[in-house]
């Protein structure tokens, strides 16, 4: 039978990193591997993970925690602050934790560490202890390619030492990749301290990882995957709906009543609106979106996170908003929603997890990116795959209700976009079938870990 690989997986503590790593952990357990999942104490409490759950793969996933170094009252929505605190606190604690985990089962010691980007220090600890290391990149392979190319971009003077773009231009990371707008680099909004960390440490630490795993399919971004033999497509990491996968790693309680509500709607009639776990919409724009949903006059399912509606943000729905045709929830089981026959289109922030879930479900997109890699994802959706439309903003960056209505109706009336969405869905699925590229890559990865 050989060695059962035992993975220690370590995400940066935001949902966009935790979710793909949780999905990857479930895939590994299906391959007979053992997984120990390291959360920060804070995100473990938020995720309300119960280890008493019944169910197949949970038996193989054990949860452990370490403190992130911040005080209870510190603002953890400041990701750069969390990053530097963890980097200062956790590296010295990790060897002892690994020792304790190994002592519990001496026949199944940790054989491989898989961390997400920003957790490069964990790969450094792993290498010192003689443990194999891999990186799971939670954004697109194209975004990974931009990080990989950063030294070259600085050499060519396209990016300066503060991470600023010196030339407004379209750039191409390799001849096989589409042109991308340089101003949309993923690190653009995080400041110099983050850029220095990325450039001086994270890129060097990437070289400690033997594989850069991407939650993407080769056929979605072939040019990016051909840039380095380390790039490995293993996605989409979308689990089949068995009972075990009803457990969510979300920070908010999923409102499953929306699925029963969707059952009562006509096929391809519902506009689904969700902006992920981090994007915050300011008050005036949120009110305009509410009025747009009335104006469109179609059934809608709108996810509005509790933290986007708290009193500090002064966000509340406008008095003239009826919302009679819609349902508003705090948080939704998105994969199930997107796969529901009632969904007509997805108004999305274009975060990579949402993008890959929408593509996998064959749903047309209306793109509303907020920051970071979301603009490049929009570019793929609209210009490369041609399965969605973008929104035009006015000079103040505001999107009017008339523009939202116009684009939704244009999207729903476009048979070409609908056909391409279904075709792309099939292409994506083919990567996961027996003999598909992602399936083969996963098998090779597990064999490497053995």
Protein backbone atom coordinates (compact mmCIF):
# COMPACT_ATOMS: atom_id res chain seq x y z
CA UNK A 1 0.00 0.00 0.00
CA UNK A 2 2.93 2.37 0.57
CA UNK A 3 3.00 5.55 2.60
CA UNK A 4 -0.21 7.49 3.18
CA UNK A 5 0.75 11.13 2.50
CA UNK A 6 -0.03 13.44 5.42
CA UNK A 7 -0.51 17.07 4.39
CA UNK A 8 -0.29 20.09 6.66
CA UNK A 9 -2.31 22.81 4.88
CA UNK A 10 -1.97 26.46 5.89
CA UNK A 11 -4.16 29.19 4.37
CA UNK A 12 -3.86 32.93 4.77
CA UNK A 13 -6.93 33.60 7.01
CA UNK A 14 -9.39 35.07 4.48
CA UNK A 15 -12.24 33.10 2.88
CA UNK A 16 -10.77 33.47 -0.60
CA UNK A 17 -7.79 31.37 0.59
CA UNK A 18 -9.55 29.14 3.13
CA UNK A 19 -12.26 27.91 0.71
CA UNK A 20 -10.02 26.56 -2.08
CA UNK A 21 -7.68 24.99 0.47
CA UNK A 22 -10.66 23.34 2.21
CA UNK A 23 -11.88 22.03 -1.15
CA UNK A 24 -8.37 20.82 -1.97
CA UNK A 25 -8.19 19.07 1.42
CA UNK A 26 -11.42 17.22 0.62
CA UNK A 27 -10.01 16.16 -2.75
CA UNK A 28 -6.84 14.87 -1.04
CA UNK A 29 -8.87 12.79 1.42
CA UNK A 30 -10.70 11.19 -1.53
CA UNK A 31 -7.25 10.09 -2.72
CA UNK A 32 -6.74 8.40 0.68
CA UNK A 33 -4.48 11.12 2.11
CA UNK A 34 -4.52 12.48 5.63
CA UNK A 35 -4.84 16.26 6.14
CA UNK A 36 -4.12 18.52 9.13
CA UNK A 37 -5.61 21.96 8.56
CA UNK A 38 -3.95 24.87 10.38
CA UNK A 39 -6.21 27.83 11.15
CA UNK A 40 -5.41 30.90 13.20
CA UNK A 41 -7.31 30.75 16.50
CA UNK A 42 -9.42 33.71 15.37
CA UNK A 43 -10.48 32.31 11.98
CA UNK A 44 -11.11 28.86 13.50
CA UNK A 45 -13.63 30.42 15.89
CA UNK A 46 -15.20 32.43 13.07
CA UNK A 47 -15.52 29.41 10.81
CA UNK A 48 -17.33 27.56 13.65
CA UNK A 49 -15.74 24.31 12.58
CA UNK A 50 -16.98 21.29 14.42
CA UNK A 51 -14.88 18.18 14.36
CA UNK A 52 -17.70 16.08 15.73
CA UNK A 53 -19.44 16.06 12.34
CA UNK A 54 -20.11 12.69 10.85
CA UNK A 55 -19.07 12.09 7.33
CA UNK A 56 -16.41 10.49 5.22
CA UNK A 57 -13.54 12.80 4.58
CA UNK A 58 -13.85 14.72 7.85
CA UNK A 59 -12.33 11.64 9.54
CA UNK A 60 -9.15 12.40 7.62
CA UNK A 61 -9.10 16.15 8.28
CA UNK A 62 -7.92 17.31 11.67
CA UNK A 63 -7.97 20.99 12.65
CA UNK A 64 -5.20 22.66 14.66
CA UNK A 65 -4.65 26.32 15.53
CA UNK A 66 -1.94 28.86 16.29
CA UNK A 67 -2.41 32.49 17.46
CA UNK A 68 -2.01 35.18 14.79
CA UNK A 69 -0.21 37.49 17.25
CA UNK A 70 -2.91 40.18 17.28
CA UNK A 71 -4.97 41.21 20.29
CA UNK A 72 -8.64 40.33 20.51
CA UNK A 73 -9.77 43.89 19.72
CA UNK A 74 -7.38 44.42 16.75
CA UNK A 75 -8.91 45.08 13.32
CA UNK A 76 -8.47 41.90 11.33
CA UNK A 77 -10.07 43.36 8.22
CA UNK A 78 -6.66 44.99 7.65
CA UNK A 79 -5.06 42.06 5.83
CA UNK A 80 -1.60 43.62 5.64
CA UNK A 81 -1.59 44.07 9.44
CA UNK A 82 -2.66 40.41 9.89
CA UNK A 83 0.04 39.28 7.43
CA UNK A 84 2.91 41.02 9.26
CA UNK A 85 1.67 39.93 12.69
CA UNK A 86 1.50 36.28 11.61
CA UNK A 87 4.91 36.48 9.98
CA UNK A 88 6.37 37.74 13.27
CA UNK A 89 4.52 35.29 15.55
CA UNK A 90 3.94 31.97 13.84
CA UNK A 91 7.26 30.76 12.31
CA UNK A 92 8.78 30.12 15.76
CA UNK A 93 5.69 28.13 16.85
CA UNK A 94 5.26 25.95 13.78
CA UNK A 95 8.12 23.44 14.38
CA UNK A 96 6.74 22.56 17.84
CA UNK A 97 3.23 22.14 16.40
CA UNK A 98 4.57 19.79 13.69
CA UNK A 99 6.46 17.84 16.35
CA UNK A 100 3.25 17.47 18.41
CA UNK A 101 1.22 16.36 15.37
CA UNK A 102 3.87 13.76 14.43
CA UNK A 103 4.05 12.46 18.02
CA UNK A 104 0.31 11.60 17.88
CA UNK A 105 0.80 9.26 14.93
CA UNK A 106 4.40 8.24 14.38
CA UNK A 107 3.44 6.05 11.38
CA UNK A 108 1.79 8.98 9.58
CA UNK A 109 4.11 11.93 10.05
CA UNK A 110 3.61 15.08 7.99
CA UNK A 111 5.07 14.50 4.54
CA UNK A 112 4.11 17.74 2.77
CA UNK A 113 3.15 21.34 3.61
CA UNK A 114 0.75 23.15 1.28
CA UNK A 115 0.41 26.88 1.98
CA UNK A 116 -1.33 29.71 0.13
CA UNK A 117 0.45 32.86 -1.05
CA UNK A 118 1.51 35.25 1.80
CA UNK A 119 2.39 32.21 3.92
CA UNK A 120 5.82 31.64 2.40
CA UNK A 121 7.39 31.55 5.88
CA UNK A 122 5.65 28.19 6.42
CA UNK A 123 7.44 26.74 3.37
CA UNK A 124 10.73 27.99 4.81
CA UNK A 125 10.01 26.20 8.12
CA UNK A 126 9.01 23.06 6.22
CA UNK A 127 12.15 23.00 4.12
CA UNK A 128 14.35 23.39 7.23
CA UNK A 129 12.59 20.36 8.71
CA UNK A 130 13.10 18.33 5.52
CA UNK A 131 9.38 18.35 4.59
CA UNK A 132 8.24 18.63 0.96
CA UNK A 133 6.48 21.90 0.10
CA UNK A 134 3.90 23.12 -2.41
CA UNK A 135 2.05 26.40 -2.88
CA UNK A 136 -1.68 26.63 -3.56
CA UNK A 137 -2.37 29.88 -5.39
CA UNK A 138 -5.97 30.97 -4.71
CA UNK A 139 -6.25 33.38 -7.66
CA UNK A 140 -5.95 32.69 -11.39
CA UNK A 141 -2.86 31.22 -13.03
CA UNK A 142 -2.56 34.56 -14.86
CA UNK A 143 -2.25 36.41 -11.53
CA UNK A 144 0.32 33.83 -10.44
CA UNK A 145 2.18 34.52 -13.69
CA UNK A 146 2.26 38.24 -12.86
CA UNK A 147 3.95 37.48 -9.51
CA UNK A 148 6.36 35.07 -11.25
CA UNK A 149 7.25 37.81 -13.79
CA UNK A 150 7.66 40.60 -11.22
CA UNK A 151 11.51 40.56 -11.16
CA UNK A 152 11.53 40.82 -14.98
CA UNK A 153 8.94 43.65 -14.94
CA UNK A 154 11.12 45.59 -12.47
CA UNK A 155 14.20 44.93 -14.58
CA UNK A 156 12.39 46.35 -17.61
CA UNK A 157 11.25 49.39 -15.61
CA UNK A 158 7.52 48.67 -16.01
CA UNK A 159 7.21 48.43 -12.20
CA UNK A 160 9.29 50.65 -9.87
CA UNK A 161 10.74 49.69 -6.47
CA UNK A 162 7.56 50.85 -4.70
CA UNK A 163 5.39 48.57 -6.83
CA UNK A 164 3.97 51.43 -8.89
CA UNK A 165 3.35 51.03 -12.61
CA UNK A 166 5.65 53.46 -14.45
CA UNK A 167 4.13 52.98 -17.90
CA UNK A 168 0.42 52.85 -18.62
CA UNK A 169 0.37 50.10 -21.15
CA UNK A 170 -0.93 46.69 -21.98
CA UNK A 171 1.55 43.93 -21.24
CA UNK A 172 1.84 40.31 -22.22
CA UNK A 173 3.57 37.90 -19.83
CA UNK A 174 4.18 35.38 -22.61
CA UNK A 175 3.42 35.24 -26.34
CA UNK A 176 0.64 32.70 -25.66
CA UNK A 177 -1.20 34.95 -23.19
CA UNK A 178 -3.67 37.77 -23.85
CA UNK A 179 -2.66 41.41 -23.40
CA UNK A 180 -3.44 42.65 -19.87
CA UNK A 181 -3.76 46.20 -18.54
CA UNK A 182 -0.68 46.94 -16.40
CA UNK A 183 -2.60 49.24 -14.04
CA UNK A 184 -4.55 46.25 -12.70
CA UNK A 185 -1.68 44.46 -10.97
CA UNK A 186 -2.96 42.44 -8.01
CA UNK A 187 -0.75 44.13 -5.42
CA UNK A 188 -1.69 47.64 -6.57
CA UNK A 189 -3.89 48.65 -3.63
CA UNK A 190 -1.90 47.25 -0.70
CA UNK A 191 0.89 49.82 -0.26
CA UNK A 192 4.67 49.73 -0.25
CA UNK A 193 5.15 47.53 2.84
CA UNK A 194 3.11 44.75 1.24
CA UNK A 195 4.90 45.15 -2.09
CA UNK A 196 8.32 44.90 -0.38
CA UNK A 197 7.17 41.75 1.41
CA UNK A 198 5.94 40.28 -1.88
CA UNK A 199 9.04 41.16 -3.86
CA UNK A 200 11.80 40.65 -1.30
CA UNK A 201 10.44 37.58 0.49
CA UNK A 202 7.42 35.91 -1.04
CA UNK A 203 8.90 35.49 -4.55
CA UNK A 204 12.12 34.06 -3.08
CA UNK A 205 10.09 31.71 -0.89
CA UNK A 206 8.06 30.53 -3.89
CA UNK A 207 11.21 28.84 -5.09
CA UNK A 208 11.02 26.58 -2.01
CA UNK A 209 7.75 25.14 -3.34
CA UNK A 210 8.16 22.29 -5.79
CA UNK A 211 4.70 22.90 -7.24
CA UNK A 212 2.50 25.96 -7.70
CA UNK A 213 -1.01 24.53 -7.63
CA UNK A 214 -3.77 26.59 -9.26
CA UNK A 215 -7.51 26.26 -8.76
CA UNK A 216 -7.99 26.55 -12.50
CA UNK A 217 -8.29 24.34 -15.57
CA UNK A 218 -5.49 24.20 -18.14
CA UNK A 219 -7.91 25.01 -20.98
CA UNK A 220 -9.06 28.24 -19.29
CA UNK A 221 -5.54 29.75 -19.19
CA UNK A 222 -3.21 27.62 -21.34
CA UNK A 223 -0.69 30.44 -21.86
CA UNK A 224 -0.20 31.00 -18.13
CA UNK A 225 0.27 27.29 -17.41
CA UNK A 226 2.89 26.97 -20.15
CA UNK A 227 5.14 29.56 -18.47
CA UNK A 228 6.75 27.21 -15.95
CA UNK A 229 6.78 23.46 -15.41
CA UNK A 230 6.00 24.19 -11.73
CA UNK A 231 2.51 25.48 -12.61
CA UNK A 232 -0.05 22.72 -12.08
CA UNK A 233 -3.75 23.06 -12.88
CA UNK A 234 -5.82 21.07 -10.37
CA UNK A 235 -9.21 22.76 -10.71
CA UNK A 236 -11.88 23.69 -10.57
CA UNK A 237 -11.89 22.47 -6.95
CA UNK A 238 -15.67 22.10 -6.96
CA UNK A 239 -16.83 19.20 -4.84
CA UNK A 240 -19.68 16.91 -5.72
CA UNK A 241 -22.75 17.46 -3.56
CA UNK A 242 -22.58 14.56 -1.17
CA UNK A 243 -23.69 15.04 2.43
CA UNK A 244 -20.17 15.53 3.59
CA UNK A 245 -19.80 18.68 1.55
CA UNK A 246 -22.74 20.43 3.15
CA UNK A 247 -20.27 21.54 5.78
CA UNK A 248 -19.14 25.01 4.90
CA UNK A 249 -15.92 26.79 5.80
CA UNK A 250 -17.76 30.11 5.63
CA UNK A 251 -17.55 32.91 8.21
CA UNK A 252 -21.31 33.54 7.88
CA UNK A 253 -24.27 31.24 8.30
CA UNK A 254 -25.50 30.12 4.86
CA UNK A 255 -29.17 30.83 4.30
CA UNK A 256 -30.41 27.67 2.57
CA UNK A 257 -33.99 28.96 2.30
CA UNK A 258 -32.85 30.65 -0.92
CA UNK A 259 -32.62 27.22 -2.57
CA UNK A 260 -36.29 26.50 -1.81
CA UNK A 261 -37.13 29.98 -3.10
CA UNK A 262 -35.19 29.26 -6.33
CA UNK A 263 -37.18 26.03 -6.76
CA UNK A 264 -40.31 28.17 -7.17
CA UNK A 265 -38.84 30.36 -9.96
CA UNK A 266 -38.91 29.81 -13.72
CA UNK A 267 -35.81 28.35 -15.43
CA UNK A 268 -33.17 30.99 -16.29
CA UNK A 269 -35.21 33.81 -14.76
CA UNK A 270 -33.27 34.87 -11.63
CA UNK A 271 -30.54 37.52 -11.46
CA UNK A 272 -28.02 36.39 -8.80
CA UNK A 273 -26.00 39.18 -7.12
CA UNK A 274 -23.02 38.56 -4.83
CA UNK A 275 -19.78 40.44 -4.24
CA UNK A 276 -17.84 37.84 -2.25
CA UNK A 277 -16.42 37.98 1.25
CA UNK A 278 -14.27 41.16 1.17
CA UNK A 279 -15.68 43.79 -1.20
CA UNK A 280 -17.59 46.60 0.53
CA UNK A 281 -20.03 48.75 -1.41
CA UNK A 282 -20.47 52.34 -0.26
CA UNK A 283 -23.92 53.52 0.73
CA UNK A 284 -24.92 55.56 -2.33
CA UNK A 285 -23.93 52.78 -4.74
CA UNK A 286 -25.69 50.10 -2.70
CA UNK A 287 -28.90 52.12 -2.82
CA UNK A 288 -28.56 52.58 -6.58
CA UNK A 289 -28.11 48.82 -7.05
CA UNK A 290 -31.28 48.20 -4.99
CA UNK A 291 -33.24 50.59 -7.22
CA UNK A 292 -31.75 48.92 -10.33
CA UNK A 293 -33.04 45.53 -9.18
CA UNK A 294 -36.56 47.00 -8.93
CA UNK A 295 -36.14 48.59 -12.36
CA UNK A 296 -35.01 45.33 -14.03
CA UNK A 297 -38.30 43.81 -12.84
CA UNK A 298 -37.06 40.22 -12.72
CA UNK A 299 -36.71 37.82 -9.77
CA UNK A 300 -33.38 38.41 -8.01
CA UNK A 301 -31.36 36.73 -5.27
CA UNK A 302 -29.05 39.26 -3.60
CA UNK A 303 -26.35 38.40 -1.05
CA UNK A 304 -25.72 41.35 1.29
CA UNK A 305 -23.20 40.47 4.00
CA UNK A 306 -24.02 41.69 7.52
CA UNK A 307 -20.74 43.67 7.64
CA UNK A 308 -21.77 45.61 4.52
CA UNK A 309 -24.98 46.75 6.24
CA UNK A 310 -23.73 47.65 9.73
CA UNK A 311 -24.62 51.04 11.18
CA UNK A 312 -21.08 52.45 10.82
CA UNK A 313 -21.39 52.18 7.04
CA UNK A 314 -24.77 53.94 7.11
CA UNK A 315 -26.00 51.44 4.55
CA UNK A 316 -29.68 50.82 4.40
CA UNK A 317 -32.04 50.23 1.53
CA UNK A 318 -33.64 53.35 0.01
CA UNK A 319 -37.24 54.09 1.07
CA UNK A 320 -38.54 53.65 -2.47
CA UNK A 321 -37.01 50.16 -2.85
CA UNK A 322 -39.73 47.50 -3.05
CA UNK A 323 -37.69 44.35 -3.73
CA UNK A 324 -40.95 42.44 -4.09
CA UNK A 325 -39.61 40.13 -6.80
CA UNK A 326 -36.46 39.28 -4.91
CA UNK A 327 -34.92 37.56 -1.94
CA UNK A 328 -32.08 39.10 0.09
CA UNK A 329 -29.86 36.88 2.25
CA UNK A 330 -26.78 37.45 4.44
CA UNK A 331 -24.84 34.61 2.79
CA UNK A 332 -25.73 31.87 0.28
CA UNK A 333 -24.48 28.36 -0.59
CA UNK A 334 -23.07 29.81 -3.79
CA UNK A 335 -22.04 26.65 -5.67
CA UNK A 336 -25.56 25.23 -5.28
CA UNK A 337 -27.12 28.57 -6.23
CA UNK A 338 -25.06 28.90 -9.42
CA UNK A 339 -25.91 25.34 -10.45
CA UNK A 340 -29.65 25.93 -9.97
CA UNK A 341 -31.64 25.91 -13.24
CA UNK A 342 -33.47 29.11 -12.20
CA UNK A 343 -30.30 31.26 -12.40
CA UNK A 344 -30.12 33.48 -15.50
CA UNK A 345 -26.95 35.48 -14.81
CA UNK A 346 -24.43 36.36 -12.10
CA UNK A 347 -23.65 39.98 -11.11
CA UNK A 348 -20.21 39.37 -9.61
CA UNK A 349 -17.13 41.12 -8.20
CA UNK A 350 -15.10 38.64 -10.29
CA UNK A 351 -13.03 37.25 -7.41
CA UNK A 352 -11.36 34.09 -8.69
CA UNK A 353 -13.38 31.63 -6.58
CA UNK A 354 -16.64 33.17 -7.82
CA UNK A 355 -15.32 33.32 -11.38
CA UNK A 356 -14.36 29.65 -11.46
CA UNK A 357 -17.66 28.63 -9.82
CA UNK A 358 -19.65 30.66 -12.37
CA UNK A 359 -17.68 29.23 -15.31
CA UNK A 360 -18.13 25.69 -13.95
CA UNK A 361 -21.89 26.32 -13.77
CA UNK A 362 -22.14 27.79 -17.29
CA UNK A 363 -23.65 31.08 -16.05
CA UNK A 364 -23.20 34.41 -17.94
CA UNK A 365 -21.55 37.22 -15.92
CA UNK A 366 -22.17 40.90 -15.39
CA UNK A 367 -18.79 42.05 -14.08
CA UNK A 368 -18.41 44.53 -11.22
CA UNK A 369 -14.77 44.24 -10.02
CA UNK A 370 -13.63 46.18 -6.94
CA UNK A 371 -9.87 45.63 -6.52
CA UNK A 372 -6.79 43.50 -7.03
CA UNK A 373 -6.92 40.58 -9.50
CA UNK A 374 -10.68 41.03 -10.05
CA UNK A 375 -10.03 43.38 -13.00
CA UNK A 376 -7.95 40.75 -14.79
CA UNK A 377 -10.62 38.14 -14.13
CA UNK A 378 -13.12 40.55 -15.70
CA UNK A 379 -10.83 40.85 -18.71
CA UNK A 380 -10.84 37.05 -19.18
CA UNK A 381 -14.63 36.88 -18.73
CA UNK A 382 -15.40 39.67 -21.21
CA UNK A 383 -12.51 39.68 -23.70
CA UNK A 384 -10.96 36.20 -23.72
CA UNK A 385 -13.78 33.74 -22.94
CA UNK A 386 -16.52 36.22 -23.98
CA UNK A 387 -19.03 34.92 -21.40
CA UNK A 388 -19.97 38.24 -19.80
CA UNK A 389 -20.27 42.01 -20.02
CA UNK A 390 -18.71 44.86 -18.05
CA UNK A 391 -20.38 47.95 -16.56
CA UNK A 392 -19.57 51.55 -17.48
CA UNK A 393 -18.88 53.96 -14.61
CA UNK A 394 -19.35 57.72 -14.71
CA UNK A 395 -16.44 60.13 -14.05
CA UNK A 396 -16.85 59.62 -10.29
CA UNK A 397 -16.70 55.83 -10.56
CA UNK A 398 -20.45 55.54 -9.97
CA UNK A 399 -22.64 52.99 -11.81
CA UNK A 400 -26.20 54.19 -12.47
CA UNK A 401 -29.34 52.07 -12.14
CA UNK A 402 -30.05 52.67 -15.85
CA UNK A 403 -26.62 51.26 -16.79
CA UNK A 404 -27.17 48.19 -14.58
CA UNK A 405 -30.62 47.56 -16.07
CA UNK A 406 -29.38 48.07 -19.66
CA UNK A 407 -26.49 45.60 -19.22
CA UNK A 408 -28.57 42.92 -17.45
CA UNK A 409 -31.17 42.99 -20.25
CA UNK A 410 -28.42 42.98 -22.90
CA UNK A 411 -26.75 40.01 -21.20
CA UNK A 412 -29.98 38.02 -20.90
CA UNK A 413 -30.84 38.68 -24.55
CA UNK A 414 -27.44 37.60 -25.88
CA UNK A 415 -27.70 34.01 -27.16
CA UNK A 416 -24.01 34.00 -28.14
CA UNK A 417 -22.90 34.65 -24.55
CA UNK A 418 -25.27 31.93 -23.29
CA UNK A 419 -23.89 29.42 -25.83
CA UNK A 420 -20.25 30.27 -25.06
CA UNK A 421 -20.96 29.97 -21.31
CA UNK A 422 -22.31 26.43 -21.77
CA UNK A 423 -19.41 25.52 -24.07
CA UNK A 424 -16.86 26.83 -21.55
CA UNK A 425 -18.63 24.86 -18.82
CA UNK A 426 -18.12 21.67 -20.86
CA UNK A 427 -14.45 22.48 -21.54
CA UNK A 428 -13.93 23.06 -17.80
CA UNK A 429 -15.72 19.86 -16.83
CA UNK A 430 -13.59 17.87 -19.28
CA UNK A 431 -10.49 18.73 -17.21
CA UNK A 432 -12.05 16.90 -14.25
CA UNK A 433 -13.16 13.72 -15.99
CA UNK A 434 -11.10 10.55 -15.89
CA UNK A 435 -8.05 11.22 -17.99
CA UNK A 436 -8.72 15.00 -17.88
CA UNK A 437 -5.75 17.32 -17.33
CA UNK A 438 -6.64 18.38 -13.76
CA UNK A 439 -7.42 14.80 -12.73
CA UNK A 440 -4.07 13.57 -14.09
CA UNK A 441 -2.21 16.44 -12.40
CA UNK A 442 -3.84 15.64 -9.04
CA UNK A 443 -2.91 11.96 -9.31
CA UNK A 444 0.68 12.89 -10.18
CA UNK A 445 0.81 15.33 -7.26
CA UNK A 446 -0.43 12.72 -4.74
CA UNK A 447 2.09 10.19 -6.10
CA UNK A 448 4.85 12.79 -5.75
CA UNK A 449 3.83 13.36 -2.12
CA UNK A 450 4.07 9.61 -1.45
